[in-house]
C-alpha cells in the first residue's frame, strides 16, 4: 500500500474529500517524524511501536575502492510489531 492508496482509502471510508484525507495522513506522519526527532517513543496499541536505536561510530570499507572510511554515530528508527498485529497476520493465511 502506498501513501496515495492510504489517502484514497481514508477518503472513501470517512466520506471526506481527498484533500482532507491527505491533510490527515500528512499530519499523522509529520507528527510521528517530529516525535522521533525529539527521540520520543511512539506506541500504537495493537499495531506496534517506533523507537530510535543508537549506533556508535565505526570504521567501514568502501566496497568499490576498498578504502577504510569513518562512519559517524547515528540514530535509526526501528519498528517493533505489536502482539495483536503479529497474531492477526499469522492467523489469516
PDB file of N, CA and C in Angstrom:
ATOM      1  N   UNK A   1       0.847  -1.176   0.000  1.00  0.00           N
ATOM      2  CA  UNK A   1       0.000   0.000   0.000  1.00  0.00           C
ATOM      3  C   UNK A   1       0.892   1.238   0.000  1.00  0.00           C
ATOM      4  N   UNK A   2       0.584   2.164  -0.869  1.00  0.00           N
ATOM      5  CA  UNK A   2       1.331   3.406  -0.938  1.00  0.00           C
ATOM      6  C   UNK A   2       0.605   4.489  -0.141  1.00  0.00           C
ATOM      7  N   UNK A   3       1.282   5.623   0.017  1.00  0.00           N
ATOM      8  CA  UNK A   3       0.666   6.746   0.715  1.00  0.00           C
ATOM      9  C   UNK A   3      -0.597   7.203  -0.028  1.00  0.00           C
ATOM     10  N   UNK A   4      -0.540   7.227  -1.339  1.00  0.00           N
ATOM     11  CA  UNK A   4      -1.707   7.611  -2.139  1.00  0.00           C
ATOM     12  C   UNK A   4      -2.864   6.634  -1.936  1.00  0.00           C
ATOM     13  N   UNK A   5      -2.558   5.336  -1.859  1.00  0.00           N
ATOM     14  CA  UNK A   5      -3.594   4.329  -1.595  1.00  0.00           C
ATOM     15  C   UNK A   5      -4.237   4.569  -0.235  1.00  0.00           C
ATOM     16  N   UNK A   6      -3.410   4.883   0.753  1.00  0.00           N
ATOM     17  CA  UNK A   6      -3.917   5.145   2.103  1.00  0.00           C
ATOM     18  C   UNK A   6      -4.825   6.368   2.110  1.00  0.00           C
ATOM     19  N   UNK A   7      -4.431   7.414   1.421  1.00  0.00           N
ATOM     20  CA  UNK A   7      -5.246   8.633   1.334  1.00  0.00           C
ATOM     21  C   UNK A   7      -6.590   8.324   0.683  1.00  0.00           C
ATOM     22  N   UNK A   8      -6.575   7.569  -0.409  1.00  0.00           N
ATOM     23  CA  UNK A   8      -7.823   7.211  -1.085  1.00  0.00           C
ATOM     24  C   UNK A   8      -8.722   6.356  -0.202  1.00  0.00           C
ATOM     25  N   UNK A   9      -8.138   5.429   0.539  1.00  0.00           N
ATOM     26  CA  UNK A   9      -8.907   4.568   1.430  1.00  0.00           C
ATOM     27  C   UNK A   9      -9.567   5.377   2.542  1.00  0.00           C
ATOM     28  N   UNK A  10      -8.819   6.281   3.148  1.00  0.00           N
ATOM     29  CA  UNK A  10      -9.378   7.125   4.211  1.00  0.00           C
ATOM     30  C   UNK A  10     -10.472   8.015   3.649  1.00  0.00           C
ATOM     31  N   UNK A  11     -10.250   8.562   2.483  1.00  0.00           N
ATOM     32  CA  UNK A  11     -11.246   9.416   1.837  1.00  0.00           C
ATOM     33  C   UNK A  11     -12.552   8.653   1.618  1.00  0.00           C
ATOM     34  N   UNK A  12     -12.454   7.428   1.133  1.00  0.00           N
ATOM     35  CA  UNK A  12     -13.645   6.612   0.877  1.00  0.00           C
ATOM     36  C   UNK A  12     -14.345   6.193   2.166  1.00  0.00           C
ATOM     37  N   UNK A  13     -13.590   5.699   3.137  1.00  0.00           N
ATOM     38  CA  UNK A  13     -14.193   5.179   4.372  1.00  0.00           C
ATOM     39  C   UNK A  13     -14.773   6.273   5.253  1.00  0.00           C
ATOM     40  N   UNK A  14     -14.129   7.437   5.274  1.00  0.00           N
ATOM     41  CA  UNK A  14     -14.595   8.526   6.135  1.00  0.00           C
ATOM     42  C   UNK A  14     -15.544   9.472   5.405  1.00  0.00           C
ATOM     43  N   UNK A  15     -15.736   9.235   4.119  1.00  0.00           N
ATOM     44  CA  UNK A  15     -16.609  10.077   3.298  1.00  0.00           C
ATOM     45  C   UNK A  15     -16.186  11.547   3.381  1.00  0.00           C
ATOM     46  N   UNK A  16     -14.886  11.773   3.187  1.00  0.00           N
ATOM     47  CA  UNK A  16     -14.340  13.130   3.151  1.00  0.00           C
ATOM     48  C   UNK A  16     -13.592  13.304   1.834  1.00  0.00           C
ATOM     49  N   UNK A  17     -13.276  14.543   1.515  1.00  0.00           N
ATOM     50  CA  UNK A  17     -12.578  14.794   0.255  1.00  0.00           C
ATOM     51  C   UNK A  17     -11.160  14.237   0.328  1.00  0.00           C
ATOM     52  N   UNK A  18     -10.594  14.017  -0.839  1.00  0.00           N
ATOM     53  CA  UNK A  18      -9.229  13.507  -0.896  1.00  0.00           C
ATOM     54  C   UNK A  18      -8.247  14.502  -0.287  1.00  0.00           C
ATOM     55  N   UNK A  19      -8.506  15.800  -0.451  1.00  0.00           N
ATOM     56  CA  UNK A  19      -7.630  16.839   0.108  1.00  0.00           C
ATOM     57  C   UNK A  19      -7.621  16.775   1.632  1.00  0.00           C
ATOM     58  N   UNK A  20      -8.801  16.583   2.223  1.00  0.00           N
ATOM     59  CA  UNK A  20      -8.878  16.476   3.691  1.00  0.00           C
ATOM     60  C   UNK A  20      -8.194  15.198   4.175  1.00  0.00           C
ATOM     61  N   UNK A  21      -8.371  14.109   3.450  1.00  0.00           N
ATOM     62  CA  UNK A  21      -7.724  12.849   3.819  1.00  0.00           C
ATOM     63  C   UNK A  21      -6.215  12.985   3.716  1.00  0.00           C
ATOM     64  N   UNK A  22      -5.739  13.693   2.698  1.00  0.00           N
ATOM     65  CA  UNK A  22      -4.298  13.905   2.551  1.00  0.00           C
ATOM     66  C   UNK A  22      -3.756  14.735   3.711  1.00  0.00           C
ATOM     67  N   UNK A  23      -4.518  15.721   4.151  1.00  0.00           N
ATOM     68  CA  UNK A  23      -4.121  16.537   5.299  1.00  0.00           C
ATOM     69  C   UNK A  23      -4.020  15.681   6.553  1.00  0.00           C
ATOM     70  N   UNK A  24      -4.962  14.784   6.739  1.00  0.00           N
ATOM     71  CA  UNK A  24      -4.946  13.886   7.903  1.00  0.00           C
ATOM     72  C   UNK A  24      -3.701  13.005   7.883  1.00  0.00           C
ATOM     73  N   UNK A  25      -3.446  12.369   6.750  1.00  0.00           N
ATOM     74  CA  UNK A  25      -2.300  11.465   6.629  1.00  0.00           C
ATOM     75  C   UNK A  25      -0.990  12.222   6.826  1.00  0.00           C
ATOM     76  N   UNK A  26      -0.857  13.380   6.194  1.00  0.00           N
ATOM     77  CA  UNK A  26       0.372  14.174   6.342  1.00  0.00           C
ATOM     78  C   UNK A  26       0.570  14.641   7.775  1.00  0.00           C
ATOM     79  N   UNK A  27      -0.512  15.019   8.453  1.00  0.00           N
ATOM     80  CA  UNK A  27      -0.417  15.449   9.844  1.00  0.00           C
ATOM     81  C   UNK A  27       0.062  14.309  10.735  1.00  0.00           C
ATOM     82  N   UNK A  28      -0.466  13.127  10.516  1.00  0.00           N
ATOM     83  CA  UNK A  28      -0.054  11.962  11.313  1.00  0.00           C
ATOM     84  C   UNK A  28       1.425  11.658  11.072  1.00  0.00           C
ATOM     85  N   UNK A  29       1.827  11.587   9.806  1.00  0.00           N
ATOM     86  CA  UNK A  29       3.218  11.265   9.502  1.00  0.00           C
ATOM     87  C   UNK A  29       4.169  12.343  10.012  1.00  0.00           C
ATOM     88  N   UNK A  30       3.805  13.616   9.835  1.00  0.00           N
ATOM     89  CA  UNK A  30       4.653  14.707  10.318  1.00  0.00           C
ATOM     90  C   UNK A  30       4.804  14.655  11.835  1.00  0.00           C
ATOM     91  N   UNK A  31       3.712  14.345  12.537  1.00  0.00           N
ATOM     92  CA  UNK A  31       3.766  14.237  13.999  1.00  0.00           C
ATOM     93  C   UNK A  31       4.673  13.092  14.436  1.00  0.00           C
ATOM     94  N   UNK A  32       4.626  11.993  13.709  1.00  0.00           N
ATOM     95  CA  UNK A  32       5.484  10.859  14.036  1.00  0.00           C
ATOM     96  C   UNK A  32       6.952  11.202  13.811  1.00  0.00           C
ATOM     97  N   UNK A  33       7.246  11.884  12.716  1.00  0.00           N
ATOM     98  CA  UNK A  33       8.630  12.286  12.427  1.00  0.00           C
ATOM     99  C   UNK A  33       9.128  13.235  13.510  1.00  0.00           C
ATOM    100  N   UNK A  34       8.305  14.208  13.888  1.00  0.00           N
ATOM    101  CA  UNK A  34       8.693  15.163  14.932  1.00  0.00           C
ATOM    102  C   UNK A  34       8.969  14.450  16.255  1.00  0.00           C
ATOM    103  N   UNK A  35       8.159  13.473  16.594  1.00  0.00           N
ATOM    104  CA  UNK A  35       8.369  12.717  17.829  1.00  0.00           C
ATOM    105  C   UNK A  35       9.690  11.953  17.784  1.00  0.00           C
ATOM    106  N   UNK A  36      10.004  11.336  16.666  1.00  0.00           N
ATOM    107  CA  UNK A  36      11.261  10.595  16.550  1.00  0.00           C
ATOM    108  C   UNK A  36      12.463  11.539  16.559  1.00  0.00           C
ATOM    109  N   UNK A  37      12.315  12.730  15.984  1.00  0.00           N
ATOM    110  CA  UNK A  37      13.397  13.711  16.028  1.00  0.00           C
ATOM    111  C   UNK A  37      13.667  14.128  17.475  1.00  0.00           C
ATOM    112  N   UNK A  38      12.599  14.245  18.280  1.00  0.00           N
ATOM    113  CA  UNK A  38      12.745  14.576  19.707  1.00  0.00           C
ATOM    114  C   UNK A  38      13.220  13.371  20.520  1.00  0.00           C
ATOM    115  N   UNK A  39      13.389  12.234  19.862  1.00  0.00           N
ATOM    116  CA  UNK A  39      13.812  10.980  20.488  1.00  0.00           C
ATOM    117  C   UNK A  39      12.726  10.397  21.397  1.00  0.00           C
ATOM    118  N   UNK A  40      11.463  10.707  21.084  1.00  0.00           N
ATOM    119  CA  UNK A  40      10.333  10.126  21.802  1.00  0.00           C
ATOM    120  C   UNK A  40      10.002   8.766  21.209  1.00  0.00           C
ATOM    121  N   UNK A  41       9.380   7.944  22.016  1.00  0.00           N
ATOM    122  CA  UNK A  41       8.904   6.640  21.568  1.00  0.00           C
ATOM    123  C   UNK A  41       7.467   6.804  21.093  1.00  0.00           C
ATOM    124  N   UNK A  42       7.112   6.126  20.015  1.00  0.00           N
ATOM    125  CA  UNK A  42       5.744   6.147  19.502  1.00  0.00           C
ATOM    126  C   UNK A  42       5.171   4.746  19.709  1.00  0.00           C
ATOM    127  N   UNK A  43       4.063   4.673  20.429  1.00  0.00           N
ATOM    128  CA  UNK A  43       3.439   3.371  20.673  1.00  0.00           C
ATOM    129  C   UNK A  43       1.987   3.427  20.246  1.00  0.00           C
ATOM    130  N   UNK A  44       1.618   2.548  19.332  1.00  0.00           N
ATOM    131  CA  UNK A  44       0.246   2.441  18.849  1.00  0.00           C
ATOM    132  C   UNK A  44      -0.242   1.059  19.261  1.00  0.00           C
ATOM    133  N   UNK A  45      -1.069   1.031  20.287  1.00  0.00           N
ATOM    134  CA  UNK A  45      -1.537  -0.249  20.846  1.00  0.00           C
ATOM    135  C   UNK A  45      -2.176  -1.114  19.772  1.00  0.00           C
ATOM    136  N   UNK A  46      -1.813  -2.379  19.769  1.00  0.00           N
ATOM    137  CA  UNK A  46      -2.351  -3.328  18.804  1.00  0.00           C
ATOM    138  C   UNK A  46      -1.651  -3.301  17.461  1.00  0.00           C
ATOM    139  N   UNK A  47      -0.798  -2.316  17.232  1.00  0.00           N
ATOM    140  CA  UNK A  47      -0.103  -2.197  15.952  1.00  0.00           C
ATOM    141  C   UNK A  47       1.392  -2.385  16.119  1.00  0.00           C
ATOM    142  N   UNK A  48       2.001  -1.555  16.969  1.00  0.00           N
ATOM    143  CA  UNK A  48       3.435  -1.666  17.199  1.00  0.00           C
ATOM    144  C   UNK A  48       4.004  -0.380  17.747  1.00  0.00           C
ATOM    145  N   UNK A  49       5.331  -0.322  17.817  1.00  0.00           N
ATOM    146  CA  UNK A  49       5.976   0.867  18.365  1.00  0.00           C
ATOM    147  C   UNK A  49       7.208   1.223  17.532  1.00  0.00           C
ATOM    148  N   UNK A  50       7.501   2.516  17.520  1.00  0.00           N
ATOM    149  CA  UNK A  50       8.678   3.044  16.857  1.00  0.00           C
ATOM    150  C   UNK A  50       9.588   3.615  17.923  1.00  0.00           C
ATOM    151  N   UNK A  51      10.870   3.326  17.813  1.00  0.00           N
ATOM    152  CA  UNK A  51      11.849   3.857  18.755  1.00  0.00           C
ATOM    153  C   UNK A  51      13.157   4.061  17.992  1.00  0.00           C
ATOM    154  N   UNK A  52      13.938   5.036  18.422  1.00  0.00           N
ATOM    155  CA  UNK A  52      15.243   5.260  17.803  1.00  0.00           C
ATOM    156  C   UNK A  52      16.272   4.339  18.446  1.00  0.00           C
ATOM    157  N   UNK A  53      17.114   3.768  17.629  1.00  0.00           N
ATOM    158  CA  UNK A  53      18.236   2.977  18.137  1.00  0.00           C
ATOM    159  C   UNK A  53      19.523   3.737  17.838  1.00  0.00           C
ATOM    160  N   UNK A  54      20.403   3.781  18.826  1.00  0.00           N
ATOM    161  CA  UNK A  54      21.680   4.470  18.681  1.00  0.00           C
ATOM    162  C   UNK A  54      22.745   3.492  18.200  1.00  0.00           C
ATOM    163  N   UNK A  55      23.521   3.942  17.230  1.00  0.00           N
ATOM    164  CA  UNK A  55      24.629   3.153  16.717  1.00  0.00           C
ATOM    165  C   UNK A  55      25.913   3.960  16.870  1.00  0.00           C
ATOM    166  N   UNK A  56      26.942   3.360  17.436  1.00  0.00           N
ATOM    167  CA  UNK A  56      28.219   4.027  17.624  1.00  0.00           C
ATOM    168  C   UNK A  56      28.941   4.190  16.287  1.00  0.00           C
ATOM    169  N   UNK A  57      29.914   5.085  16.284  1.00  0.00           N
ATOM    170  CA  UNK A  57      30.758   5.274  15.099  1.00  0.00           C
ATOM    171  C   UNK A  57      31.619   4.021  14.901  1.00  0.00           C
ATOM    172  N   UNK A  58      31.959   3.749  13.658  1.00  0.00           N
ATOM    173  CA  UNK A  58      32.799   2.587  13.366  1.00  0.00           C
ATOM    174  C   UNK A  58      33.568   2.833  12.073  1.00  0.00           C
ATOM    175  N   UNK A  59      34.536   1.981  11.840  1.00  0.00           N
ATOM    176  CA  UNK A  59      35.307   2.060  10.604  1.00  0.00           C
ATOM    177  C   UNK A  59      34.684   1.100   9.607  1.00  0.00           C
ATOM    178  N   UNK A  60      34.299   1.643   8.464  1.00  0.00           N
ATOM    179  CA  UNK A  60      33.711   0.841   7.405  1.00  0.00           C
ATOM    180  C   UNK A  60      34.655   0.760   6.224  1.00  0.00           C
ATOM    181  N   UNK A  61      34.201   0.125   5.183  1.00  0.00           N
ATOM    182  CA  UNK A  61      35.029  -0.034   3.994  1.00  0.00           C
ATOM    183  C   UNK A  61      34.183   0.286   2.766  1.00  0.00           C
ATOM    184  N   UNK A  62      34.748   1.111   1.889  1.00  0.00           N
ATOM    185  CA  UNK A  62      34.093   1.409   0.628  1.00  0.00           C
ATOM    186  C   UNK A  62      34.184   0.154  -0.238  1.00  0.00           C
ATOM    187  N   UNK A  63      33.033  -0.439  -0.611  1.00  0.00           N
ATOM    188  CA  UNK A  63      33.083  -1.698  -1.359  1.00  0.00           C
ATOM    189  C   UNK A  63      33.687  -1.552  -2.756  1.00  0.00           C
ATOM    190  N   UNK A  64      33.624  -0.366  -3.310  1.00  0.00           N
ATOM    191  CA  UNK A  64      34.151  -0.164  -4.661  1.00  0.00           C
ATOM    192  C   UNK A  64      35.674  -0.038  -4.662  1.00  0.00           C
ATOM    193  N   UNK A  65      36.213   0.752  -3.692  1.00  0.00           N
ATOM    194  CA  UNK A  65      37.660   1.016  -3.700  1.00  0.00           C
ATOM    195  C   UNK A  65      38.407   0.248  -2.617  1.00  0.00           C
ATOM    196  N   UNK A  66      37.688  -0.255  -1.605  1.00  0.00           N
ATOM    197  CA  UNK A  66      38.352  -0.942  -0.502  1.00  0.00           C
ATOM    198  C   UNK A  66      38.919   0.021   0.533  1.00  0.00           C
ATOM    199  N   UNK A  67      38.715   1.318   0.327  1.00  0.00           N
ATOM    200  CA  UNK A  67      39.245   2.335   1.235  1.00  0.00           C
ATOM    201  C   UNK A  67      38.503   2.289   2.572  1.00  0.00           C
ATOM    202  N   UNK A  68      39.254   2.403   3.668  1.00  0.00           N
ATOM    203  CA  UNK A  68      38.665   2.442   5.004  1.00  0.00           C
ATOM    204  C   UNK A  68      38.119   3.844   5.255  1.00  0.00           C
ATOM    205  N   UNK A  69      36.860   3.913   5.711  1.00  0.00           N
ATOM    206  CA  UNK A  69      36.235   5.200   5.986  1.00  0.00           C
ATOM    207  C   UNK A  69      35.632   5.199   7.380  1.00  0.00           C
ATOM    208  N   UNK A  70      35.538   6.383   7.971  1.00  0.00           N
ATOM    209  CA  UNK A  70      34.898   6.536   9.273  1.00  0.00           C
ATOM    210  C   UNK A  70      33.401   6.743   9.067  1.00  0.00           C
ATOM    211  N   UNK A  71      32.601   5.944   9.733  1.00  0.00           N
ATOM    212  CA  UNK A  71      31.150   6.103   9.698  1.00  0.00           C
ATOM    213  C   UNK A  71      30.750   6.730  11.024  1.00  0.00           C
ATOM    214  N   UNK A  72      30.095   7.894  10.973  1.00  0.00           N
ATOM    215  CA  UNK A  72      29.703   8.615  12.179  1.00  0.00           C
ATOM    216  C   UNK A  72      28.650   7.852  12.959  1.00  0.00           C
ATOM    217  N   UNK A  73      28.546   8.191  14.251  1.00  0.00           N
ATOM    218  CA  UNK A  73      27.471   7.604  15.044  1.00  0.00           C
ATOM    219  C   UNK A  73      26.150   8.107  14.492  1.00  0.00           C
ATOM    220  N   UNK A  74      25.096   7.320  14.688  1.00  0.00           N
ATOM    221  CA  UNK A  74      23.808   7.694  14.119  1.00  0.00           C
ATOM    222  C   UNK A  74      22.679   7.074  14.913  1.00  0.00           C
ATOM    223  N   UNK A  75      21.490   7.597  14.654  1.00  0.00           N
ATOM    224  CA  UNK A  75      20.258   7.044  15.205  1.00  0.00           C
ATOM    225  C   UNK A  75      19.406   6.592  14.032  1.00  0.00           C
ATOM    226  N   UNK A  76      18.804   5.432  14.171  1.00  0.00           N
ATOM    227  CA  UNK A  76      17.912   4.932  13.133  1.00  0.00           C
ATOM    228  C   UNK A  76      16.592   4.530  13.769  1.00  0.00           C
ATOM    229  N   UNK A  77      15.463   4.894  13.142  1.00  0.00           N
ATOM    230  CA  UNK A  77      14.179   4.465  13.675  1.00  0.00           C
ATOM    231  C   UNK A  77      14.003   2.954  13.492  1.00  0.00           C
ATOM    232  N   UNK A  78      13.428   2.335  14.499  1.00  0.00           N
ATOM    233  CA  UNK A  78      13.214   0.893  14.497  1.00  0.00           C
ATOM    234  C   UNK A  78      11.752   0.642  14.831  1.00  0.00           C
ATOM    235  N   UNK A  79      11.101  -0.267  14.088  1.00  0.00           N
ATOM    236  CA  UNK A  79       9.705  -0.624  14.332  1.00  0.00           C
ATOM    237  C   UNK A  79       9.640  -2.007  14.937  1.00  0.00           C
ATOM    238  N   UNK A  80       8.895  -2.110  16.032  1.00  0.00           N
ATOM    239  CA  UNK A  80       8.659  -3.415  16.647  1.00  0.00           C
ATOM    240  C   UNK A  80       7.170  -3.705  16.539  1.00  0.00           C
ATOM    241  N   UNK A  81       6.832  -4.796  15.882  1.00  0.00           N
ATOM    242  CA  UNK A  81       5.434  -5.145  15.638  1.00  0.00           C
ATOM    243  C   UNK A  81       4.751  -5.519  16.950  1.00  0.00           C
ATOM    244  N   UNK A  82       3.484  -5.134  17.087  1.00  0.00           N
ATOM    245  CA  UNK A  82       2.702  -5.448  18.275  1.00  0.00           C
ATOM    246  C   UNK A  82       2.188  -6.877  18.245  1.00  0.00           C
ATOM    247  N   UNK A  83       1.880  -7.390  19.414  1.00  0.00           N
ATOM    248  CA  UNK A  83       1.432  -8.775  19.553  1.00  0.00           C
ATOM    249  C   UNK A  83       0.149  -9.028  18.759  1.00  0.00           C
ATOM    250  N   UNK A  84      -0.821  -8.112  18.850  1.00  0.00           N
ATOM    251  CA  UNK A  84      -2.098  -8.314  18.166  1.00  0.00           C
ATOM    252  C   UNK A  84      -1.923  -8.331  16.651  1.00  0.00           C
ATOM    253  N   UNK A  85      -1.101  -7.432  16.115  1.00  0.00           N
ATOM    254  CA  UNK A  85      -0.861  -7.404  14.675  1.00  0.00           C
ATOM    255  C   UNK A  85      -0.176  -8.684  14.222  1.00  0.00           C
ATOM    256  N   UNK A  86       0.795  -9.133  14.994  1.00  0.00           N
ATOM    257  CA  UNK A  86       1.507 -10.370  14.663  1.00  0.00           C
ATOM    258  C   UNK A  86       0.541 -11.555  14.626  1.00  0.00           C
ATOM    259  N   UNK A  87      -0.354 -11.602  15.613  1.00  0.00           N
ATOM    260  CA  UNK A  87      -1.331 -12.694  15.651  1.00  0.00           C
ATOM    261  C   UNK A  87      -2.306 -12.614  14.480  1.00  0.00           C
ATOM    262  N   UNK A  88      -2.760 -11.384  14.167  1.00  0.00           N
ATOM    263  CA  UNK A  88      -3.687 -11.212  13.039  1.00  0.00           C
ATOM    264  C   UNK A  88      -3.061 -11.690  11.732  1.00  0.00           C
ATOM    265  N   UNK A  89      -1.816 -11.335  11.511  1.00  0.00           N
ATOM    266  CA  UNK A  89      -1.139 -11.720  10.264  1.00  0.00           C
ATOM    267  C   UNK A  89      -0.966 -13.226  10.183  1.00  0.00           C
ATOM    268  N   UNK A  90      -0.589 -13.844  11.293  1.00  0.00           N
ATOM    269  CA  UNK A  90      -0.327 -15.276  11.283  1.00  0.00           C
ATOM    270  C   UNK A  90      -1.591 -16.119  11.270  1.00  0.00           C
ATOM    271  N   UNK A  91      -2.724 -15.581  11.721  1.00  0.00           N
ATOM    272  CA  UNK A  91      -3.963 -16.343  11.757  1.00  0.00           C
ATOM    273  C   UNK A  91      -4.805 -16.159  10.516  1.00  0.00           C
ATOM    274  N   UNK A  92      -4.406 -15.273   9.600  1.00  0.00           N
ATOM    275  CA  UNK A  92      -5.175 -15.036   8.372  1.00  0.00           C
ATOM    276  C   UNK A  92      -4.373 -15.464   7.161  1.00  0.00           C
ATOM    277  N   UNK A  93      -4.028 -16.742   7.106  1.00  0.00           N
ATOM    278  CA  UNK A  93      -3.219 -17.262   5.992  1.00  0.00           C
ATOM    279  C   UNK A  93      -4.083 -17.558   4.795  1.00  0.00           C
TER     280      UNK A  93
END
